[in-house]
């Protein structure tokens, strides 16, 4: 990665760590204070990031019952889109007491958010040799609408994104087995994280892909069969497949679906017939394949680029039918990483617009229905994707 180096290299010492800790604390407090200006305060702001709901409603309604019921003969809960391995992981944080389980889940949410805040921030600072990258990323993640949408529903997108990005950082350091483990965990929580594998395929990293496949088989199939039994495991996979098939219909009309075809249908008001959805899906997939082709044709670029690998996440709303707002927690990292990889004023201006679009500012000025209906997160996502298509503005 050819980041631009600053004249002043980062030189850690005791004073550096104290100053960094103080400024980080101050930045986070200022971000929270700004968000707390929302009428009713920060808690009301978080609750208003979607329709009225109980805090952590997805955990209460789906994760908790699935983690408890997975060891019983009860039928698989409707609306559970995850793997048996994911249910087993969640069961590690649940007990027979729902209130106690909520406390564990709250701690899990805060821990994963802490990791997503600081691990990429430190990575960016080391790569760019600029502390401004560190502080800018923290500001972006603290002012990220998808983060608070995730916290409202008690979702796992923060955890998935951290695992996927951390796997990329580990691969760069040649820790391939550990990298494959983190990426596999992300994929087994939600399949969309598998989009990163396209980059490794383009780079002909077949040895790494084999390692991911091995861990997928062990954790995704052998482990649940060993714990739950063959019949139960297959039953869960079948139930999840049925749920995904059913979701392809109802999510078309959901204001939370930022899948490009669904957004176009919502904005234009066209009849969501099979033919219309099919044409729009082909359009969306064509953009994905163009991006894949761009990766595959770069024969002269044999170096692994973590930002390019992470940028495959930008294809999620073009590829996956759901693409809820909380998926987009990857935007802050890509905004900052791209900003420090370009000298183009046009690109930097575009990234400034993207940074505004992904914050709660527009939502707070209007309302969630307006913010969700017009899919500001999708347009922010597509703007960054355009920059990654243009080698003149974003250097590899």
Protein backbone atom coordinates (compact mmCIF):
# COMPACT_ATOMS: atom_id res chain seq x y z
CA UNK A 1 0.00 0.00 0.00
CA UNK A 2 1.57 3.24 -1.09
CA UNK A 3 0.40 5.56 1.62
CA UNK A 4 1.93 8.98 1.71
CA UNK A 5 4.39 9.37 4.56
CA UNK A 6 4.42 12.54 6.60
CA UNK A 7 7.55 14.50 7.42
CA UNK A 8 7.01 13.83 11.10
CA UNK A 9 7.14 10.09 11.74
CA UNK A 10 5.20 8.72 14.70
CA UNK A 11 7.63 8.26 17.59
CA UNK A 12 5.86 6.61 20.54
CA UNK A 13 7.03 7.49 24.04
CA UNK A 14 5.39 7.96 27.42
CA UNK A 15 4.25 11.49 26.63
CA UNK A 16 2.93 10.37 23.23
CA UNK A 17 0.71 7.70 24.80
CA UNK A 18 -0.60 10.06 27.50
CA UNK A 19 -1.36 12.77 24.95
CA UNK A 20 -3.01 10.29 22.57
CA UNK A 21 -5.16 8.80 25.33
CA UNK A 22 -6.28 12.24 26.49
CA UNK A 23 -7.11 13.50 22.98
CA UNK A 24 -8.91 10.25 22.17
CA UNK A 25 -11.02 10.53 25.32
CA UNK A 26 -11.77 14.17 24.52
CA UNK A 27 -12.75 13.37 20.93
CA UNK A 28 -15.13 10.59 22.00
CA UNK A 29 -16.71 12.79 24.68
CA UNK A 30 -17.20 15.62 22.16
CA UNK A 31 -18.79 13.23 19.64
CA UNK A 32 -21.17 11.85 22.27
CA UNK A 33 -21.96 15.39 23.46
CA UNK A 34 -22.81 16.39 19.89
CA UNK A 35 -25.11 13.40 19.46
CA UNK A 36 -26.66 14.10 22.86
CA UNK A 37 -27.98 17.40 21.45
CA UNK A 38 -30.65 15.31 19.72
CA UNK A 39 -34.06 16.07 21.31
CA UNK A 40 -34.42 13.63 24.16
CA UNK A 41 -30.69 12.90 24.35
CA UNK A 42 -28.39 10.19 23.09
CA UNK A 43 -30.63 7.31 24.19
CA UNK A 44 -33.58 8.78 22.26
CA UNK A 45 -31.30 9.32 19.26
CA UNK A 46 -30.28 5.65 19.28
CA UNK A 47 -33.90 4.53 19.70
CA UNK A 48 -35.00 6.78 16.83
CA UNK A 49 -32.63 5.22 14.29
CA UNK A 50 -35.51 3.01 13.20
CA UNK A 51 -39.14 2.32 14.00
CA UNK A 52 -40.10 2.22 17.67
CA UNK A 53 -38.63 -0.92 19.18
CA UNK A 54 -37.36 -2.37 22.41
CA UNK A 55 -33.60 -1.87 22.76
CA UNK A 56 -31.79 -4.97 21.42
CA UNK A 57 -35.00 -6.25 19.87
CA UNK A 58 -33.20 -8.60 17.45
CA UNK A 59 -31.36 -10.20 20.36
CA UNK A 60 -34.56 -10.57 22.38
CA UNK A 61 -36.68 -11.71 19.45
CA UNK A 62 -34.25 -13.94 17.54
CA UNK A 63 -30.77 -14.46 18.97
CA UNK A 64 -31.78 -15.37 22.50
CA UNK A 65 -34.62 -17.79 21.58
CA UNK A 66 -32.41 -19.44 18.94
CA UNK A 67 -29.48 -19.87 21.33
CA UNK A 68 -31.78 -21.40 23.97
CA UNK A 69 -33.85 -23.49 21.57
CA UNK A 70 -30.93 -24.91 19.64
CA UNK A 71 -30.41 -27.53 22.36
CA UNK A 72 -34.10 -28.52 22.43
CA UNK A 73 -36.50 -30.26 20.06
CA UNK A 74 -38.34 -27.00 19.39
CA UNK A 75 -38.64 -25.96 15.71
CA UNK A 76 -36.14 -23.39 14.46
CA UNK A 77 -37.39 -19.87 15.08
CA UNK A 78 -38.69 -17.95 12.07
CA UNK A 79 -36.52 -14.98 11.15
CA UNK A 80 -33.22 -16.61 12.17
CA UNK A 81 -30.90 -16.13 9.17
CA UNK A 82 -27.73 -17.44 10.76
CA UNK A 83 -25.73 -20.67 10.84
CA UNK A 84 -25.77 -23.32 13.60
CA UNK A 85 -22.24 -22.18 14.51
CA UNK A 86 -23.49 -18.63 15.02
CA UNK A 87 -26.26 -19.89 17.31
CA UNK A 88 -23.68 -21.87 19.28
CA UNK A 89 -21.47 -18.77 19.63
CA UNK A 90 -24.42 -16.71 20.86
CA UNK A 91 -25.33 -19.45 23.33
CA UNK A 92 -22.01 -18.77 25.08
CA UNK A 93 -23.43 -15.38 26.07
CA UNK A 94 -26.88 -16.51 27.16
CA UNK A 95 -28.35 -18.10 30.26
CA UNK A 96 -31.86 -19.12 31.26
CA UNK A 97 -32.33 -15.57 32.61
CA UNK A 98 -33.10 -13.11 29.81
CA UNK A 99 -32.10 -10.07 31.88
CA UNK A 100 -28.74 -11.57 32.74
CA UNK A 101 -28.25 -12.50 29.08
CA UNK A 102 -29.02 -8.92 28.06
CA UNK A 103 -26.22 -7.70 30.32
CA UNK A 104 -23.79 -10.13 28.68
CA UNK A 105 -24.97 -9.06 25.24
CA UNK A 106 -24.56 -5.40 26.16
CA UNK A 107 -20.99 -6.08 27.28
CA UNK A 108 -20.37 -7.94 24.00
CA UNK A 109 -21.70 -4.97 22.00
CA UNK A 110 -19.43 -2.53 23.82
CA UNK A 111 -16.39 -4.80 23.52
CA UNK A 112 -16.79 -5.31 19.78
CA UNK A 113 -17.41 -1.58 19.29
CA UNK A 114 -14.22 -0.86 21.26
CA UNK A 115 -12.30 -3.22 18.96
CA UNK A 116 -13.78 -1.69 15.80
CA UNK A 117 -12.89 1.78 17.07
CA UNK A 118 -9.29 1.24 18.10
CA UNK A 119 -7.82 -1.64 16.06
CA UNK A 120 -8.44 -0.01 12.63
CA UNK A 121 -7.51 3.41 14.08
CA UNK A 122 -4.12 2.15 15.23
CA UNK A 123 -3.65 0.31 11.93
CA UNK A 124 -4.34 3.48 9.92
CA UNK A 125 -1.96 5.52 12.08
CA UNK A 126 0.85 3.02 11.56
CA UNK A 127 0.22 2.72 7.83
CA UNK A 128 -0.04 6.41 7.08
CA UNK A 129 2.43 7.53 9.79
CA UNK A 130 -0.09 10.26 10.54
CA UNK A 131 -1.97 10.60 13.79
CA UNK A 132 -4.57 12.61 11.90
CA UNK A 133 -5.71 9.31 10.33
CA UNK A 134 -6.15 7.84 13.81
CA UNK A 135 -8.27 10.74 15.08
CA UNK A 136 -10.24 11.11 11.85
CA UNK A 137 -11.24 7.44 11.90
CA UNK A 138 -12.35 7.63 15.55
CA UNK A 139 -14.43 10.71 14.72
CA UNK A 140 -15.99 8.91 11.74
CA UNK A 141 -16.87 5.75 13.68
CA UNK A 142 -18.29 7.74 16.60
CA UNK A 143 -20.46 9.70 14.16
CA UNK A 144 -21.55 6.68 12.13
CA UNK A 145 -25.28 6.15 11.75
CA UNK A 146 -24.83 2.41 11.05
CA UNK A 147 -23.08 1.98 14.42
CA UNK A 148 -26.06 3.34 16.34
CA UNK A 149 -28.53 1.43 14.18
CA UNK A 150 -26.58 -1.71 15.13
CA UNK A 151 -26.68 -0.79 18.82
CA UNK A 152 -30.40 -0.09 18.68
CA UNK A 153 -31.21 -3.59 17.42
CA UNK A 154 -28.43 -5.46 19.24
CA UNK A 155 -27.15 -6.76 15.91
CA UNK A 156 -23.75 -8.35 15.14
CA UNK A 157 -22.59 -6.30 12.15
CA UNK A 158 -19.95 -4.52 14.26
CA UNK A 159 -18.50 -7.89 15.29
CA UNK A 160 -18.62 -9.25 11.72
CA UNK A 161 -16.94 -6.17 10.25
CA UNK A 162 -14.22 -6.21 12.89
CA UNK A 163 -13.48 -9.90 12.27
CA UNK A 164 -13.36 -9.42 8.48
CA UNK A 165 -11.13 -6.35 8.62
CA UNK A 166 -8.87 -7.81 11.29
CA UNK A 167 -8.43 -10.91 9.13
CA UNK A 168 -7.18 -8.63 6.36
CA UNK A 169 -4.69 -6.95 8.71
CA UNK A 170 -3.47 -10.37 9.92
CA UNK A 171 -3.03 -11.66 6.37
CA UNK A 172 -0.81 -8.67 5.59
CA UNK A 173 1.39 -9.74 8.51
CA UNK A 174 1.57 -13.31 7.13
CA UNK A 175 -0.58 -14.79 9.94
CA UNK A 176 -2.63 -16.76 7.44
CA UNK A 177 -4.22 -19.38 9.69
CA UNK A 178 -5.29 -16.79 12.26
CA UNK A 179 -6.53 -14.53 9.47
CA UNK A 180 -8.54 -17.41 7.99
CA UNK A 181 -10.03 -18.12 11.42
CA UNK A 182 -11.29 -14.55 11.90
CA UNK A 183 -12.69 -14.38 8.37
CA UNK A 184 -14.40 -17.74 8.78
CA UNK A 185 -16.05 -16.63 12.03
CA UNK A 186 -17.35 -13.53 10.22
CA UNK A 187 -18.73 -15.65 7.36
CA UNK A 188 -20.38 -18.10 9.74
CA UNK A 189 -22.16 -15.22 11.49
CA UNK A 190 -23.46 -13.72 8.23
CA UNK A 191 -22.65 -14.95 4.77
CA UNK A 192 -22.05 -11.48 3.29
CA UNK A 193 -18.54 -11.38 4.80
CA UNK A 194 -17.57 -14.01 2.18
CA UNK A 195 -17.43 -11.15 -0.36
CA UNK A 196 -13.81 -10.58 0.79
CA UNK A 197 -12.82 -13.95 -0.70
CA UNK A 198 -13.20 -12.44 -4.17
CA UNK A 199 -10.07 -10.36 -3.59
CA UNK A 200 -8.03 -13.39 -2.49
CA UNK A 201 -9.27 -15.29 -5.52
CA UNK A 202 -8.23 -12.43 -7.79
CA UNK A 203 -4.79 -12.43 -6.18
CA UNK A 204 -4.54 -16.19 -6.69
CA UNK A 205 -4.12 -16.81 -2.98
CA UNK A 206 -5.24 -20.42 -3.34
CA UNK A 207 -3.34 -21.62 -0.29
CA UNK A 208 -5.14 -19.09 1.87
CA UNK A 209 -8.52 -19.93 0.33
CA UNK A 210 -7.87 -23.60 1.13
CA UNK A 211 -7.23 -22.67 4.76
CA UNK A 212 -10.52 -20.76 4.91
CA UNK A 213 -12.33 -23.74 3.38
CA UNK A 214 -10.81 -26.13 5.92
CA UNK A 215 -11.83 -23.95 8.87
CA UNK A 216 -15.29 -23.44 7.34
CA UNK A 217 -15.80 -27.20 7.19
CA UNK A 218 -14.50 -27.71 10.74
CA UNK A 219 -16.39 -24.84 12.41
CA UNK A 220 -19.38 -24.64 10.11
CA UNK A 221 -20.19 -28.32 9.71
CA UNK A 222 -18.15 -30.74 11.83
CA UNK A 223 -18.45 -28.73 15.09
CA UNK A 224 -22.26 -28.27 15.02
CA UNK A 225 -22.76 -31.90 13.95
CA UNK A 226 -20.57 -33.03 16.86
CA UNK A 227 -22.48 -30.86 19.37
CA UNK A 228 -26.02 -30.91 17.98
CA UNK A 229 -26.13 -34.04 15.87
CA UNK A 230 -26.43 -34.47 12.11
CA UNK A 231 -30.24 -34.19 11.86
CA UNK A 232 -30.47 -31.03 13.96
CA UNK A 233 -27.65 -29.33 12.05
CA UNK A 234 -29.19 -30.10 8.65
CA UNK A 235 -32.60 -28.97 9.93
CA UNK A 236 -31.15 -25.60 10.94
CA UNK A 237 -29.46 -25.12 7.56
CA UNK A 238 -32.73 -25.96 5.80
CA UNK A 239 -34.68 -23.52 7.99
CA UNK A 240 -32.15 -20.77 7.30
CA UNK A 241 -32.32 -21.43 3.56
CA UNK A 242 -36.13 -21.23 3.68
CA UNK A 243 -35.96 -17.94 5.59
CA UNK A 244 -33.54 -16.45 3.06
CA UNK A 245 -35.81 -17.54 0.19
CA UNK A 246 -38.85 -16.00 1.90
CA UNK A 247 -36.93 -12.80 2.67
CA UNK A 248 -36.26 -12.22 -1.05
CA UNK A 249 -39.91 -11.15 -1.32
CA UNK A 250 -40.76 -9.12 1.76
CA UNK A 251 -37.48 -7.17 2.01
CA UNK A 252 -38.22 -5.61 -1.38
CA UNK A 253 -40.72 -3.32 0.35
CA UNK A 254 -38.72 -2.67 3.51
CA UNK A 255 -37.41 0.83 4.09
CA UNK A 256 -34.38 -0.80 5.75
CA UNK A 257 -33.30 -2.68 2.63
CA UNK A 258 -30.52 -0.73 0.93
CA UNK A 259 -30.03 -3.34 -1.78
CA UNK A 260 -29.71 -1.30 -4.98
CA UNK A 261 -32.63 -2.91 -6.89
CA UNK A 262 -34.93 -2.61 -3.85
CA UNK A 263 -33.94 1.04 -3.41
CA UNK A 264 -34.66 1.84 -7.07
CA UNK A 265 -38.06 0.13 -6.82
CA UNK A 266 -38.81 2.12 -3.66
CA UNK A 267 -37.74 5.48 -5.13
CA UNK A 268 -39.37 5.09 -8.53
CA UNK A 269 -42.54 3.36 -7.36
CA UNK A 270 -42.38 0.86 -10.22
CA UNK A 271 -44.23 -2.41 -9.85
CA UNK A 272 -41.94 -4.87 -8.09
CA UNK A 273 -42.75 -7.66 -10.53
CA UNK A 274 -40.46 -10.58 -11.16
CA UNK A 275 -39.32 -9.06 -14.46
CA UNK A 276 -38.52 -5.65 -12.97
CA UNK A 277 -36.59 -7.13 -10.07
CA UNK A 278 -34.78 -9.45 -12.46
CA UNK A 279 -33.60 -6.61 -14.72
CA UNK A 280 -32.50 -4.48 -11.78
CA UNK A 281 -30.72 -7.45 -10.20
CA UNK A 282 -28.82 -8.06 -13.45
CA UNK A 283 -27.83 -4.37 -13.48
CA UNK A 284 -26.62 -4.57 -9.90
CA UNK A 285 -24.71 -7.81 -10.44
CA UNK A 286 -23.14 -6.38 -13.61
CA UNK A 287 -21.51 -3.66 -11.51
CA UNK A 288 -20.21 -6.34 -9.15
CA UNK A 289 -18.76 -8.37 -12.00
CA UNK A 290 -17.15 -5.24 -13.46
CA UNK A 291 -15.48 -4.69 -10.09
CA UNK A 292 -14.38 -8.34 -9.99
CA UNK A 293 -12.98 -8.04 -13.53
CA UNK A 294 -11.03 -4.96 -12.50
CA UNK A 295 -9.42 -6.98 -9.71
CA UNK A 296 -8.66 -9.98 -11.89
CA UNK A 297 -7.06 -7.99 -14.72
CA UNK A 298 -4.54 -6.27 -12.40
CA UNK A 299 -1.79 -8.78 -13.19
CA UNK A 300 0.98 -6.24 -12.62
CA UNK A 301 -0.26 -5.56 -9.07
CA UNK A 302 0.81 -8.65 -7.14
CA UNK A 303 1.11 -6.91 -3.78
CA UNK A 304 -1.61 -7.50 -1.23
CA UNK A 305 -3.54 -4.30 -0.49
CA UNK A 306 -5.69 -4.42 2.68
CA UNK A 307 -7.75 -1.41 1.58
CA UNK A 308 -8.59 -3.10 -1.71
CA UNK A 309 -9.57 -6.26 0.14
CA UNK A 310 -11.74 -4.30 2.60
CA UNK A 311 -13.26 -2.37 -0.31
CA UNK A 312 -15.02 -5.54 -1.47
CA UNK A 313 -17.51 -4.75 1.31
CA UNK A 314 -18.69 -1.89 -0.91
CA UNK A 315 -20.30 -4.53 -3.13
CA UNK A 316 -22.60 -5.79 -0.35
CA UNK A 317 -25.60 -3.56 -1.24
CA UNK A 318 -25.16 -4.59 -4.89
CA UNK A 319 -25.06 -8.28 -4.12
CA UNK A 320 -27.17 -9.06 -1.03
CA UNK A 321 -30.92 -8.60 -0.91
CA UNK A 322 -31.13 -7.38 2.68
CA UNK A 323 -28.25 -4.89 3.19
CA UNK A 324 -29.66 -3.31 6.35
CA UNK A 325 -28.25 0.04 7.57
CA UNK A 326 -26.20 -1.67 10.30
CA UNK A 327 -24.23 -3.54 7.59
CA UNK A 328 -22.59 -0.25 6.59
CA UNK A 329 -20.36 0.06 9.67
CA UNK A 330 -17.46 -0.55 7.27
CA UNK A 331 -17.83 2.94 5.73
CA UNK A 332 -15.69 4.90 8.27
CA UNK A 333 -12.60 2.74 7.66
CA UNK A 334 -12.92 2.99 3.88
CA UNK A 335 -13.55 6.76 4.03
CA UNK A 336 -10.36 7.42 6.00
CA UNK A 337 -8.20 4.81 4.24
CA UNK A 338 -9.23 6.16 0.83
CA UNK A 339 -8.71 9.77 1.94
CA UNK A 340 -5.07 9.09 2.76
CA UNK A 341 -4.49 7.18 -0.48
CA UNK A 342 -5.32 10.01 -2.85
CA UNK A 343 -4.05 13.47 -3.81
CA UNK A 344 -7.11 14.23 -5.90
CA UNK A 345 -9.16 17.21 -4.70
CA UNK A 346 -12.22 15.73 -6.41
CA UNK A 347 -11.78 12.47 -4.51
CA UNK A 348 -11.30 14.26 -1.17
CA UNK A 349 -14.40 16.39 -1.78
CA UNK A 350 -16.37 13.26 -2.62
CA UNK A 351 -15.18 11.60 0.58
CA UNK A 352 -16.26 14.65 2.58
CA UNK A 353 -19.77 14.28 1.13
CA UNK A 354 -19.71 10.56 1.94
CA UNK A 355 -18.65 11.33 5.52
CA UNK A 356 -21.67 13.62 5.94
CA UNK A 357 -24.08 11.13 4.35
CA UNK A 358 -23.11 8.32 6.74
CA UNK A 359 -23.51 10.39 9.91
CA UNK A 360 -26.74 10.84 11.91
CA UNK A 361 -26.77 14.55 10.97
CA UNK A 362 -29.25 14.23 8.06
CA UNK A 363 -31.36 11.77 10.03
CA UNK A 364 -31.39 14.11 13.05
CA UNK A 365 -32.33 17.12 10.92
CA UNK A 366 -35.24 15.28 9.34
CA UNK A 367 -36.33 11.80 10.52
CA UNK A 368 -35.50 8.17 10.01
CA UNK A 369 -38.22 7.56 7.42
CA UNK A 370 -36.68 10.27 5.22
CA UNK A 371 -33.12 9.01 5.82
CA UNK A 372 -34.00 5.38 5.20
CA UNK A 373 -36.38 5.87 2.29
CA UNK A 374 -33.82 7.82 0.24
CA UNK A 375 -31.04 5.38 1.22
CA UNK A 376 -28.33 7.93 2.00
CA UNK A 377 -26.04 5.12 3.16
CA UNK A 378 -26.32 3.39 -0.22
CA UNK A 379 -25.36 6.57 -2.09
CA UNK A 380 -22.41 7.08 0.27
CA UNK A 381 -21.37 3.51 -0.44
CA UNK A 382 -21.65 3.94 -4.24
CA UNK A 383 -19.61 7.16 -4.19
CA UNK A 384 -16.67 5.39 -2.52
CA UNK A 385 -17.08 2.48 -4.95
CA UNK A 386 -16.75 4.92 -7.87
CA UNK A 387 -13.47 6.17 -6.42
CA UNK A 388 -12.14 2.62 -6.22
CA UNK A 389 -13.07 2.11 -9.87
CA UNK A 390 -10.91 5.10 -10.80
CA UNK A 391 -7.19 4.40 -10.48
CA UNK A 392 -6.39 8.04 -11.16
CA UNK A 393 -8.04 9.22 -7.96
CA UNK A 394 -7.24 6.31 -5.66
CA UNK A 395 -3.79 4.82 -5.96
CA UNK A 396 -3.29 1.11 -5.33
